[in-house]
Amino acid sequence: MKLELRDVSCGYDKAKPVIKDINLTLKDGDVCCILGPNGVGKTTLFKSILNLIPPLSGQICIDGKSVSSLSRRNLSDQMAYVAQAHIPAFPYQVREIVMMGRMGKLHLAGQPTRRDYEVCEQALEDVGIRHLRDKVYTEISGGERQLLMIARALAQSPRILVMDEPTANLDYGNMVIVIECIRILAEKGLCIIFTSHTPDHAFMTKAKTALLFRNEPMVFGTCDEVVTNRNLQNAYKTDIQVLEIMTPDGETTKVIHPRFHR
């Protein structure tokens, strides 16, 4: 699988695109972390990738085919979306929520097959919450709910998983669980694109990174190439330092730390 954005400009008015000249290529197993301050167009870019709004210019292609040429059903075979937050309308069981991810694949009769149940069980297993399958959605924790939303998306059997701030409003422990889930799913070959307000997440997931600026071209590359002191200070307009540290197992990693002057 290859996802390509070629000279893409996105927005709602051709005279004033929200973002422009986006070029990136992703393949199976890649993680892409999209960073940038509020209002630079991260959500707009997602909407264009998901074909909810057409790009103002350029092309978004999967294996050479424009996403705009794909039917909704065909596009759902390629991509699944995990929203930032979800408020349940009814107290469904966890397994029922996951099955909702299979709705676009059910036969005309609308009854799940043995295969559908197997896919849902595997999705719960993949995110580590199969033990919650009979729990009521409203009774599980915020971190478990986020993992459940990922499982529901996985039930579509997509090749690309698009996630809008998957760790927003989670405590630190649940954030680590979701980040680890992203790493594991990528190791299994899924292409994952996610937005974050935490630059450290690019290093945690060893992601290809797109950093969006106000009124300047996007920077795209490896996390080490993109997440630098200069780029972060330019994007967020604050004094930020990238530090290298040694982990207990002897590996070198990087973390972000602001510089306080008072």
C-alpha atoms as a PDB file:
ATOM      1  CA  MET A   1       0.000   0.000   0.000  1.00  0.00           C
ATOM      2  CA  LYS A   2       1.181   3.503  -0.793  1.00  0.00           C
ATOM      3  CA  LEU A   3      -0.580   6.697   0.305  1.00  0.00           C
ATOM      4  CA  GLU A   4       0.603   9.777  -1.555  1.00  0.00           C
ATOM      5  CA  LEU A   5      -0.206  13.456  -1.177  1.00  0.00           C
ATOM      6  CA  ARG A   6       1.057  15.303  -4.243  1.00  0.00           C
ATOM      7  CA  ASP A   7       1.194  19.112  -4.133  1.00  0.00           C
ATOM      8  CA  VAL A   8      -2.005  19.142  -2.068  1.00  0.00           C
ATOM      9  CA  SER A   9      -3.678  22.354  -0.946  1.00  0.00           C
ATOM     10  CA  CYS A  10      -6.669  22.107   1.400  1.00  0.00           C
ATOM     11  CA  GLY A  11      -9.339  24.460   2.606  1.00  0.00           C
ATOM     12  CA  TYR A  12     -12.762  25.845   1.878  1.00  0.00           C
ATOM     13  CA  ASP A  13     -11.909  28.762  -0.406  1.00  0.00           C
ATOM     14  CA  LYS A  14      -9.583  28.487  -3.402  1.00  0.00           C
ATOM     15  CA  ALA A  15      -8.502  32.075  -2.908  1.00  0.00           C
ATOM     16  CA  LYS A  16      -7.337  31.332   0.636  1.00  0.00           C
ATOM     17  CA  PRO A  17      -6.283  27.707   1.295  1.00  0.00           C
ATOM     18  CA  VAL A  18      -5.790  26.694   4.914  1.00  0.00           C
ATOM     19  CA  ILE A  19      -2.683  24.670   4.029  1.00  0.00           C
ATOM     20  CA  LYS A  20      -0.871  24.261   0.743  1.00  0.00           C
ATOM     21  CA  ASP A  21       1.924  22.432  -1.066  1.00  0.00           C
ATOM     22  CA  ILE A  22       1.651  19.247   1.024  1.00  0.00           C
ATOM     23  CA  ASN A  23       3.805  16.391  -0.250  1.00  0.00           C
ATOM     24  CA  LEU A  24       4.260  13.125   1.609  1.00  0.00           C
ATOM     25  CA  THR A  25       4.360   9.402   0.945  1.00  0.00           C
ATOM     26  CA  LEU A  26       3.482   6.642   3.417  1.00  0.00           C
ATOM     27  CA  LYS A  27       3.464   2.868   3.114  1.00  0.00           C
ATOM     28  CA  ASP A  28       2.465  -0.224   5.103  1.00  0.00           C
ATOM     29  CA  GLY A  29       3.859  -0.123   8.633  1.00  0.00           C
ATOM     30  CA  ASP A  30       4.604   3.605   8.597  1.00  0.00           C
ATOM     31  CA  VAL A  31       3.542   5.883  11.438  1.00  0.00           C
ATOM     32  CA  CYS A  32       3.038   9.551  10.584  1.00  0.00           C
ATOM     33  CA  CYS A  33       2.708  12.081  13.392  1.00  0.00           C
ATOM     34  CA  ILE A  34       1.233  15.429  12.353  1.00  0.00           C
ATOM     35  CA  LEU A  35       2.266  18.282  14.614  1.00  0.00           C
ATOM     36  CA  GLY A  36       1.551  22.004  14.678  1.00  0.00           C
ATOM     37  CA  PRO A  37      -0.173  24.703  16.718  1.00  0.00           C
ATOM     38  CA  ASN A  38      -3.926  25.176  16.791  1.00  0.00           C
ATOM     39  CA  GLY A  39      -5.473  26.540  13.635  1.00  0.00           C
ATOM     40  CA  VAL A  40      -2.789  25.570  11.119  1.00  0.00           C
ATOM     41  CA  GLY A  41      -4.960  23.022   9.291  1.00  0.00           C
ATOM     42  CA  LYS A  42      -4.373  19.597  10.828  1.00  0.00           C
ATOM     43  CA  THR A  43      -8.103  18.777  10.917  1.00  0.00           C
ATOM     44  CA  THR A  44      -8.611  20.205   7.432  1.00  0.00           C
ATOM     45  CA  LEU A  45      -5.837  17.957   6.142  1.00  0.00           C
ATOM     46  CA  PHE A  46      -7.519  14.952   7.751  1.00  0.00           C
ATOM     47  CA  LYS A  47     -10.827  15.831   6.116  1.00  0.00           C
ATOM     48  CA  SER A  48      -9.165  15.890   2.719  1.00  0.00           C
ATOM     49  CA  ILE A  49      -7.342  12.592   3.278  1.00  0.00           C
ATOM     50  CA  LEU A  50     -10.677  11.023   4.279  1.00  0.00           C
ATOM     51  CA  ASN A  51     -12.327  12.577   1.186  1.00  0.00           C
ATOM     52  CA  LEU A  52     -14.781  14.547   3.311  1.00  0.00           C
ATOM     53  CA  ILE A  53     -13.722  17.715   1.515  1.00  0.00           C
ATOM     54  CA  PRO A  54     -11.915  17.668  -1.850  1.00  0.00           C
ATOM     55  CA  PRO A  55      -8.421  19.161  -2.005  1.00  0.00           C
ATOM     56  CA  LEU A  56      -8.316  22.589  -3.619  1.00  0.00           C
ATOM     57  CA  SER A  57      -5.422  21.388  -5.747  1.00  0.00           C
ATOM     58  CA  GLY A  58      -3.144  18.386  -6.065  1.00  0.00           C
ATOM     59  CA  GLN A  59      -3.980  14.722  -5.582  1.00  0.00           C
ATOM     60  CA  ILE A  60      -4.414  12.299  -2.698  1.00  0.00           C
ATOM     61  CA  CYS A  61      -3.896   8.740  -3.928  1.00  0.00           C
ATOM     62  CA  ILE A  62      -3.861   5.205  -2.568  1.00  0.00           C
ATOM     63  CA  ASP A  63      -1.840   2.873  -4.769  1.00  0.00           C
ATOM     64  CA  GLY A  64      -2.085   5.401  -7.567  1.00  0.00           C
ATOM     65  CA  LYS A  65      -5.880   5.831  -7.382  1.00  0.00           C
ATOM     66  CA  SER A  66      -7.328   9.154  -6.290  1.00  0.00           C
ATOM     67  CA  VAL A  67      -9.402   8.839  -3.118  1.00  0.00           C
ATOM     68  CA  SER A  68     -12.032  10.993  -4.827  1.00  0.00           C
ATOM     69  CA  SER A  69     -12.574   8.215  -7.376  1.00  0.00           C
ATOM     70  CA  LEU A  70     -13.327   5.595  -4.702  1.00  0.00           C
ATOM     71  CA  SER A  71     -16.831   4.819  -3.480  1.00  0.00           C
ATOM     72  CA  ARG A  72     -17.535   5.245   0.225  1.00  0.00           C
ATOM     73  CA  ARG A  73     -17.486   1.476   0.644  1.00  0.00           C
ATOM     74  CA  ASN A  74     -14.186   1.092  -1.207  1.00  0.00           C
ATOM     75  CA  LEU A  75     -12.663   3.951   0.747  1.00  0.00           C
ATOM     76  CA  SER A  76     -13.746   2.339   4.035  1.00  0.00           C
ATOM     77  CA  ASP A  77     -11.868  -0.793   2.947  1.00  0.00           C
ATOM     78  CA  GLN A  78      -8.743   1.340   2.781  1.00  0.00           C
ATOM     79  CA  MET A  79      -9.097   3.792   5.667  1.00  0.00           C
ATOM     80  CA  ALA A  80     -10.691   3.945   9.100  1.00  0.00           C
ATOM     81  CA  TYR A  81     -11.013   7.002  11.308  1.00  0.00           C
ATOM     82  CA  VAL A  82     -10.746   7.363  15.079  1.00  0.00           C
ATOM     83  CA  ALA A  83     -12.201  10.636  16.341  1.00  0.00           C
ATOM     84  CA  GLN A  84     -10.766  12.618  19.237  1.00  0.00           C
ATOM     85  CA  ALA A  85     -13.708  11.970  21.539  1.00  0.00           C
ATOM     86  CA  HIS A  86     -16.840   9.837  21.564  1.00  0.00           C
ATOM     87  CA  ILE A  87     -19.873  10.194  23.799  1.00  0.00           C
ATOM     88  CA  PRO A  88     -22.084   7.093  23.859  1.00  0.00           C
ATOM     89  CA  ALA A  89     -25.782   7.609  23.279  1.00  0.00           C
ATOM     90  CA  PHE A  90     -26.748   4.230  24.752  1.00  0.00           C
ATOM     91  CA  PRO A  91     -25.068   1.793  27.178  1.00  0.00           C
ATOM     92  CA  TYR A  92     -23.880  -0.691  24.545  1.00  0.00           C
ATOM     93  CA  GLN A  93     -21.614  -3.548  25.461  1.00  0.00           C
ATOM     94  CA  VAL A  94     -18.001  -3.306  24.308  1.00  0.00           C
ATOM     95  CA  ARG A  95     -18.430  -6.148  21.789  1.00  0.00           C
ATOM     96  CA  GLU A  96     -21.447  -4.368  20.290  1.00  0.00           C
ATOM     97  CA  ILE A  97     -19.457  -1.174  19.795  1.00  0.00           C
ATOM     98  CA  VAL A  98     -16.730  -3.080  17.958  1.00  0.00           C
ATOM     99  CA  MET A  99     -19.287  -4.794  15.718  1.00  0.00           C
ATOM    100  CA  MET A 100     -20.388  -1.332  14.554  1.00  0.00           C
ATOM    101  CA  GLY A 101     -17.094  -1.206  12.696  1.00  0.00           C
ATOM    102  CA  ARG A 102     -18.291  -4.128  10.560  1.00  0.00           C
ATOM    103  CA  MET A 103     -21.586  -2.543   9.487  1.00  0.00           C
ATOM    104  CA  GLY A 104     -20.286  -1.532   6.078  1.00  0.00           C
ATOM    105  CA  LYS A 105     -19.266  -5.121   5.365  1.00  0.00           C
ATOM    106  CA  LEU A 106     -22.372  -7.002   6.449  1.00  0.00           C
ATOM    107  CA  HIS A 107     -24.444  -8.882   3.887  1.00  0.00           C
ATOM    108  CA  LEU A 108     -27.806  -7.558   2.760  1.00  0.00           C
ATOM    109  CA  ALA A 109     -29.551  -9.538   5.481  1.00  0.00           C
ATOM    110  CA  GLY A 110     -27.610  -7.446   7.993  1.00  0.00           C
ATOM    111  CA  GLN A 111     -26.688 -10.355  10.253  1.00  0.00           C
ATOM    112  CA  PRO A 112     -23.041 -10.733  11.318  1.00  0.00           C
ATOM    113  CA  THR A 113     -21.355 -13.911  10.155  1.00  0.00           C
ATOM    114  CA  ARG A 114     -18.881 -16.053  12.033  1.00  0.00           C
ATOM    115  CA  ARG A 115     -16.131 -14.195  10.157  1.00  0.00           C
ATOM    116  CA  ASP A 116     -17.448 -10.844  11.412  1.00  0.00           C
ATOM    117  CA  TYR A 117     -17.357 -12.057  15.008  1.00  0.00           C
ATOM    118  CA  GLU A 118     -13.824 -13.390  14.526  1.00  0.00           C
ATOM    119  CA  VAL A 119     -12.615 -10.052  13.137  1.00  0.00           C
ATOM    120  CA  CYS A 120     -14.122  -8.186  16.099  1.00  0.00           C
ATOM    121  CA  GLU A 121     -12.581 -10.551  18.616  1.00  0.00           C
ATOM    122  CA  GLN A 122      -9.195 -10.103  16.948  1.00  0.00           C
ATOM    123  CA  ALA A 123      -9.575  -6.318  16.987  1.00  0.00           C
ATOM    124  CA  LEU A 124     -10.199  -6.404  20.741  1.00  0.00           C
ATOM    125  CA  GLU A 125      -7.211  -8.716  21.145  1.00  0.00           C
ATOM    126  CA  ASP A 126      -4.986  -6.411  19.074  1.00  0.00           C
ATOM    127  CA  VAL A 127      -5.618  -3.448  21.388  1.00  0.00           C
ATOM    128  CA  GLY A 128      -5.463  -5.550  24.543  1.00  0.00           C
ATOM    129  CA  ILE A 129      -9.039  -5.218  25.825  1.00  0.00           C
ATOM    130  CA  ARG A 130     -10.632  -8.546  24.888  1.00  0.00           C
ATOM    131  CA  HIS A 131     -11.262  -9.121  28.593  1.00  0.00           C
ATOM    132  CA  LEU A 132     -13.682  -6.163  28.498  1.00  0.00           C
ATOM    133  CA  ARG A 133     -15.855  -7.570  25.698  1.00  0.00           C
ATOM    134  CA  ASP A 134     -18.961  -7.984  27.921  1.00  0.00           C
ATOM    135  CA  LYS A 135     -18.529  -4.729  29.843  1.00  0.00           C
ATOM    136  CA  VAL A 136     -20.851  -1.774  29.311  1.00  0.00           C
ATOM    137  CA  TYR A 137     -19.231   1.072  27.387  1.00  0.00           C
ATOM    138  CA  THR A 138     -20.245   3.734  29.916  1.00  0.00           C
ATOM    139  CA  GLU A 139     -18.615   1.789  32.757  1.00  0.00           C
ATOM    140  CA  ILE A 140     -15.072   1.522  31.376  1.00  0.00           C
ATOM    141  CA  SER A 141     -12.293   4.097  31.787  1.00  0.00           C
ATOM    142  CA  GLY A 142     -11.387   6.886  29.379  1.00  0.00           C
ATOM    143  CA  GLY A 143      -8.257   5.072  28.232  1.00  0.00           C
ATOM    144  CA  GLU A 144     -10.202   1.866  27.688  1.00  0.00           C
ATOM    145  CA  ARG A 145     -12.791   3.786  25.663  1.00  0.00           C
ATOM    146  CA  GLN A 146     -10.078   5.165  23.413  1.00  0.00           C
ATOM    147  CA  LEU A 147      -8.700   1.664  22.852  1.00  0.00           C
ATOM    148  CA  LEU A 148     -12.244   0.531  22.096  1.00  0.00           C
ATOM    149  CA  MET A 149     -12.602   3.226  19.422  1.00  0.00           C
ATOM    150  CA  ILE A 150      -9.370   1.967  17.873  1.00  0.00           C
ATOM    151  CA  ALA A 151     -10.718  -1.596  17.981  1.00  0.00           C
ATOM    152  CA  ARG A 152     -13.929  -0.470  16.275  1.00  0.00           C
ATOM    153  CA  ALA A 153     -11.872   1.109  13.504  1.00  0.00           C
ATOM    154  CA  LEU A 154      -9.740  -2.028  13.182  1.00  0.00           C
ATOM    155  CA  ALA A 155     -12.920  -4.073  12.708  1.00  0.00           C
ATOM    156  CA  GLN A 156     -13.233  -2.390   9.296  1.00  0.00           C
ATOM    157  CA  SER A 157     -10.024  -4.252   8.343  1.00  0.00           C
ATOM    158  CA  PRO A 158      -8.450  -1.063   6.967  1.00  0.00           C
ATOM    159  CA  ARG A 159      -4.953  -0.594   5.622  1.00  0.00           C
ATOM    160  CA  ILE A 160      -4.688   2.960   6.935  1.00  0.00           C
ATOM    161  CA  LEU A 161      -5.766   4.179  10.366  1.00  0.00           C
ATOM    162  CA  VAL A 162      -6.360   7.926  10.733  1.00  0.00           C
ATOM    163  CA  MET A 163      -6.484   9.168  14.344  1.00  0.00           C
ATOM    164  CA  ASP A 164      -7.327  12.666  15.572  1.00  0.00           C
ATOM    165  CA  GLU A 165      -5.394  13.363  18.790  1.00  0.00           C
ATOM    166  CA  PRO A 166      -5.791   9.813  20.133  1.00  0.00           C
ATOM    167  CA  THR A 167      -4.311  10.688  23.534  1.00  0.00           C
ATOM    168  CA  ALA A 168      -6.275  13.890  24.142  1.00  0.00           C
ATOM    169  CA  ASN A 169      -7.727  14.116  27.681  1.00  0.00           C
ATOM    170  CA  LEU A 170      -6.039  10.891  28.803  1.00  0.00           C
ATOM    171  CA  ASP A 171      -3.938  10.601  31.939  1.00  0.00           C
ATOM    172  CA  TYR A 172      -0.273   9.718  31.528  1.00  0.00           C
ATOM    173  CA  GLY A 173      -0.733   5.981  32.048  1.00  0.00           C
ATOM    174  CA  ASN A 174      -3.487   5.717  29.464  1.00  0.00           C
ATOM    175  CA  MET A 175      -1.479   7.884  27.062  1.00  0.00           C
ATOM    176  CA  VAL A 176       1.380   5.396  27.259  1.00  0.00           C
ATOM    177  CA  ILE A 177      -1.027   2.505  26.591  1.00  0.00           C
ATOM    178  CA  VAL A 178      -2.422   4.186  23.451  1.00  0.00           C
ATOM    179  CA  ILE A 179       1.057   5.102  22.160  1.00  0.00           C
ATOM    180  CA  GLU A 180       2.210   1.522  22.705  1.00  0.00           C
ATOM    181  CA  CYS A 181      -0.873   0.309  20.831  1.00  0.00           C
ATOM    182  CA  ILE A 182       0.086   2.525  17.872  1.00  0.00           C
ATOM    183  CA  ARG A 183       3.586   1.042  17.861  1.00  0.00           C
ATOM    184  CA  ILE A 184       2.289  -2.536  17.951  1.00  0.00           C
ATOM    185  CA  LEU A 185      -0.255  -1.991  15.170  1.00  0.00           C
ATOM    186  CA  ALA A 186       2.423  -0.437  12.954  1.00  0.00           C
ATOM    187  CA  GLU A 187       4.672  -3.443  13.569  1.00  0.00           C
ATOM    188  CA  LYS A 188       1.815  -5.587  12.247  1.00  0.00           C
ATOM    189  CA  GLY A 189       1.845  -3.613   9.000  1.00  0.00           C
ATOM    190  CA  LEU A 190      -0.878  -1.022   9.498  1.00  0.00           C
ATOM    191  CA  CYS A 191      -0.179   2.510   8.259  1.00  0.00           C
ATOM    192  CA  ILE A 192      -1.117   4.982  11.003  1.00  0.00           C
ATOM    193  CA  ILE A 193      -1.553   8.749  10.715  1.00  0.00           C
ATOM    194  CA  PHE A 194      -2.259  10.695  13.896  1.00  0.00           C
ATOM    195  CA  THR A 195      -2.259  14.276  15.098  1.00  0.00           C
ATOM    196  CA  SER A 196      -0.810  15.350  18.416  1.00  0.00           C
ATOM    197  CA  HIS A 197      -0.060  18.453  20.444  1.00  0.00           C
ATOM    198  CA  THR A 198       2.821  16.602  22.112  1.00  0.00           C
ATOM    199  CA  PRO A 199       5.997  16.549  19.979  1.00  0.00           C
ATOM    200  CA  ASP A 200       7.415  13.764  22.169  1.00  0.00           C
ATOM    201  CA  HIS A 201       4.890  11.426  20.551  1.00  0.00           C
ATOM    202  CA  ALA A 202       6.856  11.574  17.309  1.00  0.00           C
ATOM    203  CA  PHE A 203       9.892  10.146  19.104  1.00  0.00           C
ATOM    204  CA  MET A 204       7.823   7.637  21.112  1.00  0.00           C
ATOM    205  CA  THR A 205       6.377   6.146  17.914  1.00  0.00           C
ATOM    206  CA  LYS A 206       9.531   6.644  15.795  1.00  0.00           C
ATOM    207  CA  ALA A 207       7.231   8.341  13.319  1.00  0.00           C
ATOM    208  CA  LYS A 208       7.671  10.073  10.058  1.00  0.00           C
ATOM    209  CA  THR A 209       6.681  13.572  11.060  1.00  0.00           C
ATOM    210  CA  ALA A 210       4.845  16.423   9.387  1.00  0.00           C
ATOM    211  CA  LEU A 211       5.177  19.775  11.156  1.00  0.00           C
ATOM    212  CA  LEU A 212       2.744  22.478  10.051  1.00  0.00           C
ATOM    213  CA  PHE A 213       3.532  26.175  10.433  1.00  0.00           C
ATOM    214  CA  ARG A 214       1.550  29.358  10.046  1.00  0.00           C
ATOM    215  CA  ASN A 215       2.244  30.921   6.647  1.00  0.00           C
ATOM    216  CA  GLU A 216       5.227  28.676   5.933  1.00  0.00           C
ATOM    217  CA  PRO A 217       5.670  25.383   4.044  1.00  0.00           C
ATOM    218  CA  MET A 218       5.208  22.133   5.945  1.00  0.00           C
ATOM    219  CA  VAL A 219       8.329  20.207   6.953  1.00  0.00           C
ATOM    220  CA  PHE A 220       8.178  16.413   6.478  1.00  0.00           C
ATOM    221  CA  GLY A 221      10.742  13.728   7.254  1.00  0.00           C
ATOM    222  CA  THR A 222      11.917  11.461  10.054  1.00  0.00           C
ATOM    223  CA  CYS A 223      11.226  12.578  13.610  1.00  0.00           C
ATOM    224  CA  ASP A 224      14.933  13.343  14.082  1.00  0.00           C
ATOM    225  CA  GLU A 225      14.968  15.539  10.968  1.00  0.00           C
ATOM    226  CA  VAL A 226      11.761  17.425  11.750  1.00  0.00           C
ATOM    227  CA  VAL A 227      11.507  17.687  15.537  1.00  0.00           C
ATOM    228  CA  THR A 228      14.402  20.055  16.159  1.00  0.00           C
ATOM    229  CA  ASN A 229      14.901  23.076  18.409  1.00  0.00           C
ATOM    230  CA  ARG A 230      14.666  25.460  15.480  1.00  0.00           C
ATOM    231  CA  ASN A 231      11.542  23.926  13.929  1.00  0.00           C
ATOM    232  CA  LEU A 232       9.670  23.658  17.225  1.00  0.00           C
ATOM    233  CA  GLN A 233      10.501  27.224  18.222  1.00  0.00           C
ATOM    234  CA  ASN A 234       9.396  28.457  14.802  1.00  0.00           C
ATOM    235  CA  ALA A 235       6.127  26.504  14.907  1.00  0.00           C
ATOM    236  CA  TYR A 236       5.083  27.123  18.500  1.00  0.00           C
ATOM    237  CA  LYS A 237       6.725  30.532  19.053  1.00  0.00           C
ATOM    238  CA  THR A 238       8.244  29.504  22.338  1.00  0.00           C
ATOM    239  CA  ASP A 239      11.694  28.435  23.489  1.00  0.00           C
ATOM    240  CA  ILE A 240      11.827  24.648  23.274  1.00  0.00           C
ATOM    241  CA  GLN A 241      14.808  22.334  23.624  1.00  0.00           C
ATOM    242  CA  VAL A 242      15.245  18.785  22.293  1.00  0.00           C
ATOM    243  CA  LEU A 243      17.318  16.711  24.717  1.00  0.00           C
ATOM    244  CA  GLU A 244      18.992  13.348  24.211  1.00  0.00           C
ATOM    245  CA  ILE A 245      18.775  10.929  27.124  1.00  0.00           C
ATOM    246  CA  MET A 246      19.940   7.400  27.809  1.00  0.00           C
ATOM    247  CA  THR A 247      17.261   4.872  28.731  1.00  0.00           C
ATOM    248  CA  PRO A 248      17.880   2.200  31.413  1.00  0.00           C
ATOM    249  CA  ASP A 249      18.354  -0.428  28.682  1.00  0.00           C
ATOM    250  CA  GLY A 250      21.167   1.588  27.111  1.00  0.00           C
ATOM    251  CA  GLU A 251      19.311   3.110  24.166  1.00  0.00           C
ATOM    252  CA  THR A 252      19.450   6.796  23.253  1.00  0.00           C
ATOM    253  CA  THR A 253      16.165   8.631  22.836  1.00  0.00           C
ATOM    254  CA  LYS A 254      14.986  12.230  22.655  1.00  0.00           C
ATOM    255  CA  VAL A 255      12.578  14.244  24.780  1.00  0.00           C
ATOM    256  CA  ILE A 256      11.181  17.758  24.557  1.00  0.00           C
ATOM    257  CA  HIS A 257      11.667  20.330  27.322  1.00  0.00           C
ATOM    258  CA  PRO A 258      10.675  23.990  27.379  1.00  0.00           C
ATOM    259  CA  ARG A 259      13.172  26.606  28.442  1.00  0.00           C
ATOM    260  CA  PHE A 260      11.848  28.668  31.348  1.00  0.00           C
ATOM    261  CA  HIS A 261      13.414  32.100  31.719  1.00  0.00           C
ATOM    262  CA  ARG A 262      11.762  33.226  34.955  1.00  0.00           C
END
